[in-house]
C-alpha atoms as a PDB file:
ATOM      1  CA  MET A   1      18.887  -6.865 -10.795  1.00  0.00           C
ATOM      2  CA  ALA A   2      18.236  -5.949  -7.116  1.00  0.00           C
ATOM      3  CA  GLN A   3      15.032  -7.204  -5.648  1.00  0.00           C
ATOM      4  CA  GLY A   4      13.298  -5.216  -3.145  1.00  0.00           C
ATOM      5  CA  LEU A   5      12.487  -1.412  -2.714  1.00  0.00           C
ATOM      6  CA  ASN A   6      15.135   1.496  -2.657  1.00  0.00           C
ATOM      7  CA  VAL A   7      14.662   5.163  -1.573  1.00  0.00           C
ATOM      8  CA  ASP A   8      17.929   7.149  -1.764  1.00  0.00           C
ATOM      9  CA  SER A   9      18.146  10.689  -0.662  1.00  0.00           C
ATOM     10  CA  VAL A  10      14.333  11.321  -1.932  1.00  0.00           C
ATOM     11  CA  SER A  11      13.355  14.864  -1.019  1.00  0.00           C
ATOM     12  CA  LYS A  12      10.022  16.492  -1.956  1.00  0.00           C
ATOM     13  CA  ILE A  13       9.757  20.253  -2.191  1.00  0.00           C
ATOM     14  CA  PHE A  14       6.350  22.243  -3.222  1.00  0.00           C
ATOM     15  CA  HIS A  15       6.316  25.681  -4.182  1.00  0.00           C
ATOM     16  CA  THR A  16       3.834  27.831  -2.456  1.00  0.00           C
ATOM     17  CA  ARG A  17       3.207  31.569  -2.543  1.00  0.00           C
ATOM     18  CA  ALA A  18       5.141  31.884   0.744  1.00  0.00           C
ATOM     19  CA  GLY A  19       8.040  29.983  -0.514  1.00  0.00           C
ATOM     20  CA  GLU A  20       9.447  26.647  -0.710  1.00  0.00           C
ATOM     21  CA  LEU A  21       7.874  23.854   1.752  1.00  0.00           C
ATOM     22  CA  VAL A  22      10.202  20.899   2.185  1.00  0.00           C
ATOM     23  CA  VAL A  23       7.854  17.792   2.903  1.00  0.00           C
ATOM     24  CA  LEU A  24      10.910  15.075   2.426  1.00  0.00           C
ATOM     25  CA  ARG A  25      14.310  15.695   3.361  1.00  0.00           C
ATOM     26  CA  ASP A  26      16.801  13.152   1.810  1.00  0.00           C
ATOM     27  CA  VAL A  27      15.161  10.124   2.942  1.00  0.00           C
ATOM     28  CA  CYS A  28      16.651   6.768   2.600  1.00  0.00           C
ATOM     29  CA  LEU A  29      15.151   3.313   2.969  1.00  0.00           C
ATOM     30  CA  THR A  30      16.163  -0.059   1.879  1.00  0.00           C
ATOM     31  CA  ILE A  31      13.747  -3.249   2.036  1.00  0.00           C
ATOM     32  CA  PRO A  32      14.660  -6.540   0.607  1.00  0.00           C
ATOM     33  CA  GLY A  33      11.986  -8.462  -1.296  1.00  0.00           C
ATOM     34  CA  GLY A  34       9.622 -10.228   1.059  1.00  0.00           C
ATOM     35  CA  GLY A  35      10.780  -7.371   3.865  1.00  0.00           C
ATOM     36  CA  SER A  36       8.474  -5.373   5.975  1.00  0.00           C
ATOM     37  CA  VAL A  37       8.199  -2.192   7.623  1.00  0.00           C
ATOM     38  CA  ALA A  38       6.135   0.407   9.718  1.00  0.00           C
ATOM     39  CA  ILE A  39       6.502   4.020   9.141  1.00  0.00           C
ATOM     40  CA  MET A  40       5.238   6.321  12.457  1.00  0.00           C
ATOM     41  CA  GLY A  41       5.223   9.880  13.087  1.00  0.00           C
ATOM     42  CA  PRO A  42       3.196  12.404  13.910  1.00  0.00           C
ATOM     43  CA  SER A  43       0.458  14.247  11.337  1.00  0.00           C
ATOM     44  CA  GLY A  44       1.926  16.445   8.919  1.00  0.00           C
ATOM     45  CA  SER A  45       5.378  14.719   8.962  1.00  0.00           C
ATOM     46  CA  GLY A  46       5.264  13.773   5.198  1.00  0.00           C
ATOM     47  CA  LYS A  47       4.354   9.985   5.770  1.00  0.00           C
ATOM     48  CA  SER A  48       1.654  10.250   3.003  1.00  0.00           C
ATOM     49  CA  THR A  49       3.765  12.064   0.666  1.00  0.00           C
ATOM     50  CA  LEU A  50       6.336   9.568   1.136  1.00  0.00           C
ATOM     51  CA  LEU A  51       4.015   6.716   0.546  1.00  0.00           C
ATOM     52  CA  ASN A  52       2.604   8.351  -2.753  1.00  0.00           C
ATOM     53  CA  ILE A  53       6.197   8.557  -3.908  1.00  0.00           C
ATOM     54  CA  MET A  54       6.664   5.060  -3.567  1.00  0.00           C
ATOM     55  CA  GLY A  55       3.307   4.080  -5.025  1.00  0.00           C
ATOM     56  CA  THR A  56       3.997   6.374  -7.914  1.00  0.00           C
ATOM     57  CA  LEU A  57       1.369   8.742  -7.498  1.00  0.00           C
ATOM     58  CA  GLU A  58       3.896  11.838  -6.814  1.00  0.00           C
ATOM     59  CA  SER A  59       7.155  12.324  -7.930  1.00  0.00           C
ATOM     60  CA  PRO A  60      10.339  13.099  -5.992  1.00  0.00           C
ATOM     61  CA  SER A  61      11.803  16.756  -6.278  1.00  0.00           C
ATOM     62  CA  SER A  62      15.317  14.796  -6.057  1.00  0.00           C
ATOM     63  CA  GLY A  63      16.894  11.560  -5.140  1.00  0.00           C
ATOM     64  CA  VAL A  64      15.958   8.137  -6.773  1.00  0.00           C
ATOM     65  CA  TYR A  65      13.123   5.696  -6.095  1.00  0.00           C
ATOM     66  CA  SER A  66      13.245   1.843  -7.344  1.00  0.00           C
ATOM     67  CA  LEU A  67      11.369  -1.085  -7.028  1.00  0.00           C
ATOM     68  CA  ASP A  68      13.054  -4.581  -7.865  1.00  0.00           C
ATOM     69  CA  GLY A  69      15.856  -2.498  -9.865  1.00  0.00           C
ATOM     70  CA  GLU A  70      13.588  -0.445 -11.812  1.00  0.00           C
ATOM     71  CA  ASN A  71      13.011   3.355 -11.456  1.00  0.00           C
ATOM     72  CA  PRO A  72       9.302   3.942 -12.413  1.00  0.00           C
ATOM     73  CA  PHE A  73       9.814   7.501 -12.934  1.00  0.00           C
ATOM     74  CA  ASP A  74      12.120   6.657 -15.789  1.00  0.00           C
ATOM     75  CA  LEU A  75       8.757   5.718 -17.785  1.00  0.00           C
ATOM     76  CA  ASN A  76       6.614   7.807 -19.679  1.00  0.00           C
ATOM     77  CA  PRO A  77       3.140   8.142 -17.973  1.00  0.00           C
ATOM     78  CA  LYS A  78       1.478   5.553 -19.489  1.00  0.00           C
ATOM     79  CA  LYS A  79       4.114   3.005 -18.509  1.00  0.00           C
ATOM     80  CA  VAL A  80       3.870   4.493 -14.867  1.00  0.00           C
ATOM     81  CA  ALA A  81       0.391   3.898 -14.870  1.00  0.00           C
ATOM     82  CA  ALA A  82       0.703   0.038 -16.100  1.00  0.00           C
ATOM     83  CA  PHE A  83       3.805  -0.248 -13.312  1.00  0.00           C
ATOM     84  CA  ARG A  84       1.521   0.751 -10.687  1.00  0.00           C
ATOM     85  CA  ASN A  85      -1.376  -1.303 -11.695  1.00  0.00           C
ATOM     86  CA  LEU A  86       0.552  -4.282 -11.759  1.00  0.00           C
ATOM     87  CA  ARG A  87       3.624  -4.160  -9.106  1.00  0.00           C
ATOM     88  CA  ILE A  88       1.977  -1.992  -6.593  1.00  0.00           C
ATOM     89  CA  GLY A  89      -0.976  -2.844  -4.270  1.00  0.00           C
ATOM     90  CA  PHE A  90      -2.659   0.232  -1.997  1.00  0.00           C
ATOM     91  CA  VAL A  91      -4.823  -0.092   1.162  1.00  0.00           C
ATOM     92  CA  PHE A  92      -6.149   3.007   2.806  1.00  0.00           C
ATOM     93  CA  GLN A  93      -7.575   4.045   5.729  1.00  0.00           C
ATOM     94  CA  ASP A  94     -11.116   4.390   3.694  1.00  0.00           C
ATOM     95  CA  HIS A  95     -11.667   0.907   1.809  1.00  0.00           C
ATOM     96  CA  HIS A  96     -12.715   3.214  -1.507  1.00  0.00           C
ATOM     97  CA  LEU A  97     -14.812   0.276  -2.471  1.00  0.00           C
ATOM     98  CA  LEU A  98     -17.603   1.086  -5.286  1.00  0.00           C
ATOM     99  CA  PRO A  99     -20.918   1.080  -3.780  1.00  0.00           C
ATOM    100  CA  GLN A 100     -22.865  -0.264  -6.756  1.00  0.00           C
ATOM    101  CA  CYS A 101     -20.243  -3.412  -7.242  1.00  0.00           C
ATOM    102  CA  THR A 102     -20.231  -6.565  -5.248  1.00  0.00           C
ATOM    103  CA  ALA A 103     -17.672  -7.627  -3.511  1.00  0.00           C
ATOM    104  CA  LEU A 104     -16.184  -9.952  -6.048  1.00  0.00           C
ATOM    105  CA  GLU A 105     -16.471  -7.223  -8.992  1.00  0.00           C
ATOM    106  CA  ASN A 106     -14.566  -4.887  -6.630  1.00  0.00           C
ATOM    107  CA  VAL A 107     -11.888  -7.165  -5.962  1.00  0.00           C
ATOM    108  CA  LEU A 108     -11.840  -7.392  -9.773  1.00  0.00           C
ATOM    109  CA  ILE A 109     -11.493  -3.925 -10.597  1.00  0.00           C
ATOM    110  CA  PRO A 110      -7.228  -3.460 -11.096  1.00  0.00           C
ATOM    111  CA  THR A 111      -7.685  -6.502 -13.714  1.00  0.00           C
ATOM    112  CA  LEU A 112      -9.829  -4.528 -15.964  1.00  0.00           C
ATOM    113  CA  VAL A 113      -6.698  -3.006 -17.610  1.00  0.00           C
ATOM    114  CA  SER A 114      -4.446  -5.639 -16.879  1.00  0.00           C
ATOM    115  CA  PRO A 115      -3.200  -7.822 -20.209  1.00  0.00           C
ATOM    116  CA  HIS A 116      -2.300 -10.449 -17.378  1.00  0.00           C
ATOM    117  CA  SER A 117      -5.937 -11.463 -16.160  1.00  0.00           C
ATOM    118  CA  SER A 118      -6.776 -14.677 -18.102  1.00  0.00           C
ATOM    119  CA  ASN A 119      -7.855 -16.160 -14.757  1.00  0.00           C
ATOM    120  CA  ALA A 120      -8.642 -12.933 -13.022  1.00  0.00           C
ATOM    121  CA  THR A 121     -11.866 -14.306 -11.534  1.00  0.00           C
ATOM    122  CA  GLY A 122     -10.708 -17.360 -10.408  1.00  0.00           C
ATOM    123  CA  ARG A 123      -7.714 -15.346  -8.782  1.00  0.00           C
ATOM    124  CA  ALA A 124     -10.110 -12.991  -7.018  1.00  0.00           C
ATOM    125  CA  LYS A 125     -12.486 -15.659  -5.584  1.00  0.00           C
ATOM    126  CA  GLU A 126      -9.169 -17.439  -4.320  1.00  0.00           C
ATOM    127  CA  LEU A 127      -8.403 -14.132  -2.400  1.00  0.00           C
ATOM    128  CA  LEU A 128     -11.682 -13.759  -1.119  1.00  0.00           C
ATOM    129  CA  ASP A 129     -11.486 -16.977   0.676  1.00  0.00           C
ATOM    130  CA  ARG A 130      -8.347 -16.596   1.904  1.00  0.00           C
ATOM    131  CA  VAL A 131      -9.566 -13.485   3.500  1.00  0.00           C
ATOM    132  CA  GLY A 132     -12.622 -15.244   4.829  1.00  0.00           C
ATOM    133  CA  LEU A 133     -15.397 -13.596   2.366  1.00  0.00           C
ATOM    134  CA  ILE A 134     -15.839 -16.143  -0.301  1.00  0.00           C
ATOM    135  CA  ASP A 135     -19.487 -16.717   0.910  1.00  0.00           C
ATOM    136  CA  ARG A 136     -19.894 -12.669   0.855  1.00  0.00           C
ATOM    137  CA  MET A 137     -18.736 -12.348  -2.644  1.00  0.00           C
ATOM    138  CA  ASP A 138     -21.944 -11.242  -3.996  1.00  0.00           C
ATOM    139  CA  HIS A 139     -22.867  -8.805  -1.356  1.00  0.00           C
ATOM    140  CA  ARG A 140     -22.539  -5.061  -2.232  1.00  0.00           C
ATOM    141  CA  PRO A 141     -20.259  -2.692   0.628  1.00  0.00           C
ATOM    142  CA  ALA A 142     -23.307  -1.587   2.274  1.00  0.00           C
ATOM    143  CA  GLU A 143     -24.316  -5.079   3.226  1.00  0.00           C
ATOM    144  CA  LEU A 144     -20.553  -5.570   4.794  1.00  0.00           C
ATOM    145  CA  SER A 145     -19.332  -4.474   8.226  1.00  0.00           C
ATOM    146  CA  GLY A 146     -16.241  -2.356   8.192  1.00  0.00           C
ATOM    147  CA  GLY A 147     -13.986  -4.961   8.981  1.00  0.00           C
ATOM    148  CA  GLU A 148     -15.404  -6.892   5.863  1.00  0.00           C
ATOM    149  CA  ARG A 149     -15.118  -3.883   3.371  1.00  0.00           C
ATOM    150  CA  GLN A 150     -11.336  -3.479   4.384  1.00  0.00           C
ATOM    151  CA  ARG A 151     -10.601  -7.264   3.819  1.00  0.00           C
ATOM    152  CA  VAL A 152     -12.186  -6.670   0.287  1.00  0.00           C
ATOM    153  CA  ALA A 153     -10.050  -3.910  -0.029  1.00  0.00           C
ATOM    154  CA  ILE A 154      -6.760  -6.028   0.981  1.00  0.00           C
ATOM    155  CA  ALA A 155      -8.027  -8.744  -1.384  1.00  0.00           C
ATOM    156  CA  ARG A 156      -8.298  -6.001  -4.244  1.00  0.00           C
ATOM    157  CA  ALA A 157      -4.802  -4.851  -3.450  1.00  0.00           C
ATOM    158  CA  LEU A 158      -3.408  -8.218  -4.112  1.00  0.00           C
ATOM    159  CA  ILE A 159      -5.336  -9.459  -7.354  1.00  0.00           C
ATOM    160  CA  ASN A 160      -2.400  -8.509  -9.580  1.00  0.00           C
ATOM    161  CA  ARG A 161       0.133 -10.141  -7.209  1.00  0.00           C
ATOM    162  CA  PRO A 162       2.139  -7.008  -6.567  1.00  0.00           C
ATOM    163  CA  ALA A 163       5.783  -6.765  -5.329  1.00  0.00           C
ATOM    164  CA  LEU A 164       4.905  -3.924  -3.100  1.00  0.00           C
ATOM    165  CA  LEU A 165       1.879  -3.445  -0.807  1.00  0.00           C
ATOM    166  CA  LEU A 166       1.346   0.099   0.904  1.00  0.00           C
ATOM    167  CA  ALA A 167      -0.726   0.558   3.739  1.00  0.00           C
ATOM    168  CA  ASP A 168      -2.172   3.929   4.785  1.00  0.00           C
ATOM    169  CA  GLU A 169      -3.675   3.537   8.189  1.00  0.00           C
ATOM    170  CA  PRO A 170      -5.203   0.014   7.317  1.00  0.00           C
ATOM    171  CA  THR A 171      -6.715  -0.017  10.722  1.00  0.00           C
ATOM    172  CA  GLY A 172      -7.423   3.793  11.438  1.00  0.00           C
ATOM    173  CA  ASN A 173     -11.301   3.499  11.089  1.00  0.00           C
ATOM    174  CA  LEU A 174     -11.631  -0.104  12.526  1.00  0.00           C
ATOM    175  CA  ASP A 175     -12.657  -0.882  16.297  1.00  0.00           C
ATOM    176  CA  ARG A 176     -10.143  -2.626  18.369  1.00  0.00           C
ATOM    177  CA  ASP A 177     -10.938  -6.155  17.661  1.00  0.00           C
ATOM    178  CA  THR A 178     -11.294  -5.672  14.039  1.00  0.00           C
ATOM    179  CA  SER A 179      -8.310  -3.715  13.803  1.00  0.00           C
ATOM    180  CA  THR A 180      -6.522  -6.841  15.296  1.00  0.00           C
ATOM    181  CA  LYS A 181      -8.181  -9.229  12.922  1.00  0.00           C
ATOM    182  CA  VAL A 182      -7.157  -7.178  10.033  1.00  0.00           C
ATOM    183  CA  ALA A 183      -3.634  -6.343  11.083  1.00  0.00           C
ATOM    184  CA  GLU A 184      -3.392 -10.081  11.651  1.00  0.00           C
ATOM    185  CA  LEU A 185      -4.914 -11.115   8.352  1.00  0.00           C
ATOM    186  CA  LEU A 186      -2.075  -8.377   6.810  1.00  0.00           C
ATOM    187  CA  MET A 187       0.749 -10.132   8.167  1.00  0.00           C
ATOM    188  CA  GLU A 188      -0.339 -13.353   7.402  1.00  0.00           C
ATOM    189  CA  LEU A 189      -0.844 -12.643   3.631  1.00  0.00           C
ATOM    190  CA  HIS A 190       2.695 -10.966   3.779  1.00  0.00           C
ATOM    191  CA  GLN A 191       4.241 -13.924   5.304  1.00  0.00           C
ATOM    192  CA  ALA A 192       2.827 -16.443   2.484  1.00  0.00           C
ATOM    193  CA  ASP A 193       3.004 -14.249  -0.499  1.00  0.00           C
ATOM    194  CA  GLN A 194       6.406 -12.285   0.328  1.00  0.00           C
ATOM    195  CA  PHE A 195       5.994  -8.851  -1.253  1.00  0.00           C
ATOM    196  CA  VAL A 196       7.516  -6.056   0.569  1.00  0.00           C
ATOM    197  CA  PHE A 197       4.967  -4.362   2.851  1.00  0.00           C
ATOM    198  CA  ILE A 198       5.148  -0.855   3.895  1.00  0.00           C
ATOM    199  CA  ALA A 199       2.306   0.244   6.342  1.00  0.00           C
ATOM    200  CA  VAL A 200       2.281   4.004   7.788  1.00  0.00           C
ATOM    201  CA  THR A 201       0.412   3.644  11.070  1.00  0.00           C
ATOM    202  CA  HIS A 202      -0.400   5.857  14.256  1.00  0.00           C
ATOM    203  CA  SER A 203      -1.065   2.348  16.137  1.00  0.00           C
ATOM    204  CA  GLU A 204       1.704   1.232  18.336  1.00  0.00           C
ATOM    205  CA  THR A 205       0.049  -2.475  18.500  1.00  0.00           C
ATOM    206  CA  PHE A 206       0.494  -2.640  14.845  1.00  0.00           C
ATOM    207  CA  ALA A 207       3.695  -0.985  14.242  1.00  0.00           C
ATOM    208  CA  ALA A 208       5.108  -3.727  17.006  1.00  0.00           C
ATOM    209  CA  ARG A 209       4.010  -6.615  14.642  1.00  0.00           C
ATOM    210  CA  PHE A 210       6.915  -5.548  12.041  1.00  0.00           C
ATOM    211  CA  PRO A 211      10.591  -6.602  12.400  1.00  0.00           C
ATOM    212  CA  LYS A 212      11.511  -2.936  11.269  1.00  0.00           C
ATOM    213  CA  ARG A 213      10.054   0.224  12.450  1.00  0.00           C
ATOM    214  CA  CYS A 214      10.892   4.000  11.537  1.00  0.00           C
ATOM    215  CA  GLU A 215       9.577   7.682  12.198  1.00  0.00           C
ATOM    216  CA  LEU A 216       9.161  10.229  10.204  1.00  0.00           C
ATOM    217  CA  ILE A 217       9.408  13.501  11.710  1.00  0.00           C
ATOM    218  CA  ALA A 218       9.575  17.008  10.008  1.00  0.00           C
ATOM    219  CA  GLY A 219      10.354  15.287   6.468  1.00  0.00           C
ATOM    220  CA  SER A 220      13.390  12.996   7.832  1.00  0.00           C
ATOM    221  CA  LEU A 221      13.168   9.338   8.632  1.00  0.00           C
ATOM    222  CA  ARG A 222      14.943   7.608  11.111  1.00  0.00           C
ATOM    223  CA  GLU A 223      15.013   3.762  12.328  1.00  0.00           C
ATOM    224  CA  LEU A 224      13.254   3.031  15.701  1.00  0.00           C
END
């Protein structure tokens, strides 16, 4: 079975009162297991829609998407949700941490519905140690800096050992120094764990860290 990610002629069309709105046009993208790519492009070009399809949050209008040889859209909704939880990690521009939960509890959230979480707490502590926050694991988000909150979000995204990590402007809300540290952390974790890593970013500096860079303009993807 082929390892890695494959997007084959994926299009996304929304039907509006004004007619059809084509957001993605025959997008093709292949990334081998352990590979990475940065996707750039202006606002409104379809980047978030493409990320949502790869994250199984939206289905394509046409074309085929597969991860490690499996097309999640062939599954029923319950199995798609399980696929997403176990195989895909998400890091967003906003950390989306639960304010009432500690850093450790936030990292553990994806394991609450996972059948493979026998040593979830140990795994969560290991990840918090790797992102430099083991001594802050009992702190709530309001007690953490912006960079620390984003590092908790990264640990949460990796708790189930996903095959794919999707990052949507992960450094967008951070100052320059913190952005550099978070970018370095993401690349270090990717190098160590060898998941497929896709980042949507407006940052030329962050994108330059990737061996492959693509640009999405008006729904069409091209390699830079």
